[in-house]
Amino acid sequence: MSPMNSSSLCIIRKDISSHALNCFVIYYHWISPVVAFAYSGRIGDVTEPLDIDYLAIGHASLDVIPGGSVPGGTVTYAARVAQALGCRVAVLTSVSSNFDIDSAFPGIAVHNIPARTTTTFENRYADGQRHQKLYDVAESIGSEDVPEVLKRVPIVHIGPIANEIDPAIISLFSNSIVGLTPQGWFRRWDENGLVFEGRWAEADKVLPMAAAVILSREDVSEQETLEEIRRRARVLVLTEQAGGCTVLCKGERRSFKAPFVPEINPTGAGDTFAAAYLIRLYQTRGNPWEAAEFANRIASASVTRKTLEGKVEAIKTLMDSD
C-alpha cells in the first residue's frame, strides 16, 4: 500500500474491536477538505459522530526562544504531520487564551480544556545535551475530559510532555491503535522548574496496552528503566536522531538508518517520526519494520526546514514526489 497522498484524506473503518494489531482495513477516496472547529469547556456539547482518523492527546506548549516563543509540544508537531499525511485530525489539549489555537492547528479539530496558563518550556543545549526549564503547566487531562465522539478514533497518539495526562486514559480506546510517546510521564521538575528524569509508576500497567511505544534514547537515561520498557512494550521504537531508529518486536531487533539530509532544525523530529510511524503501522496492518522505514523518511524531510510550516511543506513535497 502506498503512502497517503498529501492532498487526500483517508476514510478508516474498523473490522474488529480489539487493541491487537492486524484488525483494521483502510480505504481511500478523494473528498474536500474538512472544516476546522474548536471546542471550549471540559467535555463539549458535540454529539454527532466525527470523521476523525488521528487523535493526538497532550499539552500544546509555548517554547521560549530568543525574542519570544513559538508553539511546541508533541501534539502540535504530530497533529500537523498527520494532517500533512492525509489524515483528518483532532487534538485534545489544554492551553490558555494566550495560545493561538487557530494558528497552531489550522484545519484541525481541537477540544481545549481552558487553563490559566499554557505549558511553557525553555530548552538549552550544552555539551551535546538538552537542559529543560519548565515555567508553567496547563490543566491536567483525564478520562473525564475525552468527548464521547473521540473515543472511537482509529489512531490515538498519547503524548504527554509535563506529566499532564492521567495514564488511565488509555483504557478508553479499546477500539483504537494506541501509540505512546511517554517521555512526559518520566519528567519531574524542582522548585526552580529545572526538569529531571523520574520514575513512572504506572508504566507496568500502561505499556502493554499500547500498540507501539516510541522513545528517543535521550528520553530515558537509565538502562534498567529502558529494559523494563522493552519487556513490557509490544513494540518499542528507539529513535536515534540522525542515526535512524531501532525497533524491538516479539524478541526481534532491527535497526534502520535514516536518509542523509542537510539538517537545518531537528526540533520536532521525534514527534514527526511518531506520527508517521503510527499512521504507517495502521496502513500496513501492523508491520513495525515498514513503519520504521517510512517514519525515517518523513522525519528526515522535516529536519531540512527551520519552521513548523516549512517542515509540513517538506513532507507534502516528499509525498507528492512518490
Protein backbone atom coordinates (compact mmCIF):
# COMPACT_ATOMS: atom_id res chain seq x y z
CA MET A 1 0.00 0.00 0.00
CA SER A 2 1.42 3.38 -0.97
CA PRO A 3 1.74 6.27 1.47
CA MET A 4 -1.16 8.69 1.77
CA ASN A 5 -1.04 11.46 -0.79
CA SER A 6 -0.82 14.83 0.89
CA SER A 7 -3.87 16.17 -0.92
CA SER A 8 -6.12 13.25 0.01
CA LEU A 9 -7.96 12.41 3.17
CA CYS A 10 -8.41 8.89 4.43
CA ILE A 11 -11.52 7.03 5.47
CA ILE A 12 -10.73 4.37 8.05
CA ARG A 13 -13.15 1.61 9.05
CA LYS A 14 -12.81 -0.97 11.77
CA ASP A 15 -13.31 -4.69 11.21
CA ILE A 16 -12.60 -5.98 14.72
CA SER A 17 -12.89 -4.29 18.12
CA SER A 18 -9.50 -5.02 19.70
CA HIS A 19 -6.24 -3.48 20.87
CA ALA A 20 -4.46 -6.12 18.78
CA LEU A 21 -2.82 -5.20 15.51
CA ASN A 22 -3.89 -6.57 12.14
CA CYS A 23 -7.54 -5.82 12.84
CA PHE A 24 -8.15 -2.80 10.64
CA VAL A 25 -8.71 -2.07 6.97
CA ILE A 26 -8.03 1.34 5.45
CA TYR A 27 -9.76 2.81 2.41
CA TYR A 28 -9.00 5.98 0.42
CA HIS A 29 -11.08 8.32 -1.63
CA TRP A 30 -10.91 11.93 -2.73
CA ILE A 31 -13.02 14.37 -0.76
CA SER A 32 -12.96 18.06 0.01
CA PRO A 33 -11.01 19.42 2.98
CA VAL A 34 -12.53 19.11 6.44
CA VAL A 35 -13.74 22.32 8.04
CA ALA A 36 -11.90 23.13 11.26
CA PHE A 37 -13.73 23.65 14.52
CA ALA A 38 -12.75 24.18 18.15
CA TYR A 39 -14.37 23.28 21.45
CA SER A 40 -14.17 25.06 24.78
CA GLY A 41 -15.03 23.52 28.12
CA ARG A 42 -14.16 20.23 29.75
CA ILE A 43 -16.34 17.89 27.69
CA GLY A 44 -18.06 19.81 24.92
CA ASP A 45 -21.58 19.59 23.55
CA VAL A 46 -20.91 17.85 20.24
CA THR A 47 -22.74 14.52 19.99
CA GLU A 48 -22.68 13.81 16.26
CA PRO A 49 -20.02 11.31 15.08
CA LEU A 50 -16.86 12.98 13.76
CA ASP A 51 -14.90 11.74 10.77
CA ILE A 52 -11.56 11.76 12.57
CA ASP A 53 -8.70 9.39 11.75
CA TYR A 54 -5.98 10.52 14.17
CA LEU A 55 -6.36 11.86 17.71
CA ALA A 56 -3.38 13.48 19.48
CA ILE A 57 -3.62 13.96 23.25
CA GLY A 58 -1.34 16.16 25.36
CA HIS A 59 -0.36 19.73 26.07
CA ALA A 60 0.46 22.09 23.27
CA SER A 61 3.22 24.31 24.62
CA LEU A 62 4.98 27.57 24.17
CA ASP A 63 8.71 27.08 23.65
CA VAL A 64 10.84 30.04 24.68
CA ILE A 65 13.27 31.24 22.02
CA PRO A 66 15.37 34.41 21.76
CA GLY A 67 12.94 37.27 21.33
CA GLY A 68 9.75 35.41 22.18
CA SER A 69 8.14 31.98 21.94
CA VAL A 70 6.79 29.52 19.36
CA PRO A 71 4.17 26.76 19.56
CA GLY A 72 5.59 23.39 20.52
CA GLY A 73 4.74 20.12 22.20
CA THR A 74 4.22 16.64 20.85
CA VAL A 75 0.60 17.22 19.83
CA THR A 76 1.48 20.31 17.81
CA TYR A 77 4.02 18.56 15.61
CA ALA A 78 2.24 15.20 15.49
CA ALA A 79 -1.11 16.70 14.55
CA ARG A 80 0.30 18.82 11.74
CA VAL A 81 2.31 15.90 10.36
CA ALA A 82 -0.68 13.54 10.46
CA GLN A 83 -2.67 16.17 8.61
CA ALA A 84 0.08 16.52 6.01
CA LEU A 85 -0.02 12.74 5.51
CA GLY A 86 -3.71 12.89 4.68
CA CYS A 87 -5.45 12.20 7.97
CA ARG A 88 -8.36 14.07 9.45
CA VAL A 89 -7.01 15.07 12.83
CA ALA A 90 -8.30 16.03 16.25
CA VAL A 91 -6.37 17.31 19.26
CA LEU A 92 -7.27 17.07 22.95
CA THR A 93 -5.21 19.61 24.85
CA SER A 94 -5.18 22.33 27.50
CA VAL A 95 -3.95 25.84 26.80
CA SER A 96 -4.80 29.35 27.94
CA SER A 97 -6.10 32.25 25.89
CA ASN A 98 -2.53 33.35 25.13
CA PHE A 99 -2.11 30.35 22.80
CA ASP A 100 -3.36 30.88 19.25
CA ILE A 101 -5.19 27.62 18.57
CA ASP A 102 -6.29 28.60 15.07
CA SER A 103 -2.75 29.42 14.00
CA ALA A 104 -1.17 26.34 15.57
CA PHE A 105 -3.80 23.88 14.32
CA PRO A 106 -5.24 25.11 11.01
CA GLY A 107 -7.91 22.77 9.69
CA ILE A 108 -7.69 20.56 12.79
CA ALA A 109 -10.46 19.85 15.30
CA VAL A 110 -9.39 21.00 18.77
CA HIS A 111 -11.02 20.16 22.09
CA ASN A 112 -9.42 22.51 24.60
CA ILE A 113 -9.57 22.35 28.37
CA PRO A 114 -9.28 26.04 29.28
CA ALA A 115 -6.33 26.81 31.53
CA ARG A 116 -4.96 29.79 33.41
CA THR A 117 -1.63 29.35 31.67
CA THR A 118 -0.07 27.44 28.79
CA THR A 119 2.68 24.89 29.43
CA THR A 120 5.92 26.73 28.72
CA PHE A 121 9.42 25.27 28.27
CA GLU A 122 12.85 26.65 27.62
CA ASN A 123 15.41 24.33 26.06
CA ARG A 124 19.13 24.96 26.35
CA TYR A 125 21.88 22.84 24.88
CA ALA A 126 25.34 22.32 26.37
CA ASP A 127 27.92 19.62 25.69
CA GLY A 128 25.54 17.90 23.32
CA GLN A 129 22.81 17.56 25.96
CA ARG A 130 19.46 19.28 26.32
CA HIS A 131 18.61 21.06 29.56
CA GLN A 132 14.98 21.98 30.07
CA LYS A 133 13.30 24.53 32.29
CA LEU A 134 9.55 24.46 32.87
CA TYR A 135 7.90 27.81 33.59
CA ASP A 136 4.17 26.99 33.55
CA VAL A 137 1.87 23.97 33.28
CA ALA A 138 -1.70 23.97 31.97
CA GLU A 139 -4.57 21.80 33.27
CA SER A 140 -4.31 18.05 33.63
CA ILE A 141 -6.06 15.77 31.12
CA GLY A 142 -8.11 12.87 32.45
CA SER A 143 -10.59 10.32 31.18
CA GLU A 144 -13.47 12.64 32.00
CA ASP A 145 -12.08 15.17 29.54
CA VAL A 146 -12.42 12.94 26.47
CA PRO A 147 -15.61 13.70 24.50
CA GLU A 148 -17.65 10.63 23.60
CA VAL A 149 -17.25 11.48 19.91
CA LEU A 150 -13.48 11.00 20.18
CA LYS A 151 -13.45 7.61 21.89
CA ARG A 152 -13.62 5.58 18.67
CA VAL A 153 -10.91 7.26 16.61
CA PRO A 154 -8.84 4.61 14.78
CA ILE A 155 -5.38 6.00 15.63
CA VAL A 156 -4.74 7.56 19.04
CA HIS A 157 -1.42 9.18 19.93
CA ILE A 158 -0.91 9.88 23.63
CA GLY A 159 1.96 12.32 24.03
CA PRO A 160 2.48 13.85 27.50
CA ILE A 161 5.19 16.48 27.88
CA ALA A 162 4.77 17.54 31.54
CA ASN A 163 3.16 14.56 33.29
CA GLU A 164 -0.20 16.11 32.42
CA ILE A 165 -2.14 13.05 31.21
CA ASP A 166 -3.76 10.51 33.53
CA PRO A 167 -2.31 7.21 32.22
CA ALA A 168 -5.69 5.53 32.79
CA ILE A 169 -6.94 7.41 29.75
CA ILE A 170 -5.58 4.64 27.54
CA SER A 171 -8.35 2.30 28.68
CA LEU A 172 -10.92 4.43 26.82
CA PHE A 173 -9.56 3.45 23.41
CA SER A 174 -10.08 -0.31 23.18
CA ASN A 175 -11.19 0.09 19.54
CA SER A 176 -8.10 2.02 18.51
CA ILE A 177 -4.45 1.51 17.72
CA VAL A 178 -2.83 3.49 20.53
CA GLY A 179 0.71 4.83 20.29
CA LEU A 180 2.63 6.27 23.23
CA THR A 181 5.42 8.80 23.27
CA PRO A 182 5.68 8.69 27.06
CA GLN A 183 8.65 10.96 27.79
CA GLY A 184 6.43 13.41 29.66
CA TRP A 185 5.46 10.75 32.20
CA PHE A 186 9.12 10.43 33.16
CA ARG A 187 9.63 14.18 33.64
CA ARG A 188 9.81 15.82 37.05
CA TRP A 189 10.99 19.31 37.98
CA ASP A 190 12.33 21.10 41.02
CA GLU A 191 11.16 24.35 42.62
CA ASN A 192 13.13 26.32 40.03
CA GLY A 193 11.48 24.49 37.13
CA LEU A 194 14.60 22.54 36.17
CA VAL A 195 13.45 19.29 34.57
CA PHE A 196 14.93 15.94 35.53
CA GLU A 197 14.15 12.31 34.86
CA GLY A 198 11.93 10.50 37.36
CA ARG A 199 10.16 7.17 37.71
CA TRP A 200 6.85 6.47 36.02
CA ALA A 201 4.93 4.28 38.47
CA GLU A 202 2.12 3.23 36.09
CA ALA A 203 4.42 2.02 33.31
CA ASP A 204 3.90 -1.68 34.01
CA LYS A 205 0.12 -1.34 33.57
CA VAL A 206 0.01 1.07 30.63
CA LEU A 207 2.81 -0.07 28.32
CA PRO A 208 1.30 -3.47 27.43
CA MET A 209 -1.92 -1.74 26.33
CA ALA A 210 -0.21 0.26 23.59
CA ALA A 211 0.32 -0.92 20.03
CA ALA A 212 3.66 0.89 19.94
CA VAL A 213 5.88 2.84 22.34
CA ILE A 214 8.20 5.38 20.75
CA LEU A 215 11.06 6.98 22.67
CA SER A 216 14.26 8.84 21.96
CA ARG A 217 17.34 7.35 23.57
CA GLU A 218 17.68 10.74 25.27
CA ASP A 219 14.29 10.43 26.97
CA VAL A 220 15.32 7.62 29.31
CA SER A 221 18.90 7.52 30.52
CA GLU A 222 18.66 4.65 32.99
CA GLN A 223 19.38 1.31 31.32
CA GLU A 224 17.28 -0.51 33.92
CA THR A 225 14.26 1.65 33.06
CA LEU A 226 14.80 1.12 29.35
CA GLU A 227 14.99 -2.63 29.87
CA GLU A 228 11.72 -2.57 31.81
CA ILE A 229 10.06 -0.70 28.97
CA ARG A 230 11.42 -3.21 26.48
CA ARG A 231 9.97 -6.13 28.45
CA ARG A 232 6.50 -4.63 28.72
CA ALA A 233 6.05 -2.94 25.34
CA ARG A 234 4.68 -4.99 22.46
CA VAL A 235 6.58 -2.80 20.01
CA LEU A 236 9.34 -0.49 21.23
CA VAL A 237 10.90 2.03 18.86
CA LEU A 238 14.04 3.86 19.94
CA THR A 239 14.85 6.88 17.80
CA GLU A 240 18.45 7.97 17.44
CA GLN A 241 18.25 11.40 15.78
CA ALA A 242 20.23 11.33 12.50
CA GLY A 243 21.14 7.70 13.20
CA GLY A 244 17.64 6.45 12.43
CA CYS A 245 15.88 4.07 14.78
CA THR A 246 15.88 0.62 16.34
CA VAL A 247 12.70 -1.46 16.56
CA LEU A 248 12.18 -4.26 19.08
CA CYS A 249 9.21 -6.53 18.48
CA LYS A 250 8.47 -10.10 19.59
CA GLY A 251 12.08 -10.79 20.51
CA GLU A 252 13.43 -9.43 17.23
CA ARG A 253 15.60 -6.34 16.95
CA ARG A 254 16.19 -4.40 13.74
CA SER A 255 17.94 -1.11 13.11
CA PHE A 256 17.03 1.29 10.29
CA LYS A 257 19.29 4.07 9.09
CA ALA A 258 17.77 7.42 8.28
CA PRO A 259 18.40 9.01 4.86
CA PHE A 260 21.24 11.50 4.89
CA VAL A 261 19.92 15.04 4.58
CA PRO A 262 21.29 18.52 5.33
CA GLU A 263 19.98 19.22 8.82
CA ILE A 264 18.60 22.72 9.41
CA ASN A 265 16.46 22.28 12.52
CA PRO A 266 15.80 18.93 14.27
CA THR A 267 13.09 20.33 16.57
CA GLY A 268 10.00 18.13 16.48
CA ALA A 269 11.70 15.32 14.56
CA GLY A 270 10.83 12.73 17.19
CA ASP A 271 7.17 13.75 17.23
CA THR A 272 7.14 13.78 13.44
CA PHE A 273 8.61 10.29 13.41
CA ALA A 274 6.00 9.06 15.88
CA ALA A 275 3.04 10.35 13.88
CA ALA A 276 4.36 8.85 10.65
CA TYR A 277 5.15 5.57 12.38
CA LEU A 278 1.65 5.14 13.82
CA ILE A 279 -0.04 6.01 10.54
CA ARG A 280 2.12 3.59 8.56
CA LEU A 281 1.68 0.91 11.22
CA TYR A 282 -2.06 1.24 10.71
CA GLN A 283 -1.81 1.25 6.92
CA THR A 284 0.25 -1.93 6.86
CA ARG A 285 -1.96 -3.71 9.39
CA GLY A 286 0.80 -3.80 11.97
CA ASN A 287 4.12 -4.10 10.10
CA PRO A 288 6.59 -2.48 12.55
CA TRP A 289 9.54 -2.69 10.15
CA GLU A 290 7.92 -0.97 7.18
CA ALA A 291 6.52 1.67 9.54
CA ALA A 292 10.07 2.43 10.71
CA GLU A 293 11.41 2.90 7.19
CA PHE A 294 8.54 5.22 6.31
CA ALA A 295 8.84 7.25 9.53
CA ASN A 296 12.58 7.70 9.00
CA ARG A 297 11.92 9.26 5.61
CA ILE A 298 9.27 11.62 6.95
CA ALA A 299 11.33 12.71 9.95
CA SER A 300 14.37 13.25 7.75
CA ALA A 301 12.39 15.53 5.46
CA SER A 302 11.24 17.56 8.45
CA VAL A 303 14.73 18.44 9.70
CA THR A 304 15.60 20.13 6.40
CA ARG A 305 13.36 23.07 7.28
CA LYS A 306 13.52 25.61 10.09
CA THR A 307 9.86 26.31 10.94
CA LEU A 308 6.90 24.05 11.53
CA GLU A 309 5.22 25.39 8.40
CA GLY A 310 8.36 24.63 6.42
CA LYS A 311 8.52 21.12 7.81
CA VAL A 312 4.93 20.46 6.81
CA GLU A 313 5.62 21.68 3.28
CA ALA A 314 8.73 19.49 3.03
CA ILE A 315 6.66 16.45 4.00
CA LYS A 316 3.97 17.27 1.47
CA THR A 317 6.59 17.70 -1.23
CA LEU A 318 8.07 14.32 -0.38
CA MET A 319 4.65 12.66 -0.57
CA ASP A 320 3.86 14.33 -3.87
CA SER A 321 7.12 13.04 -5.33
CA ASP A 322 6.29 9.38 -4.58
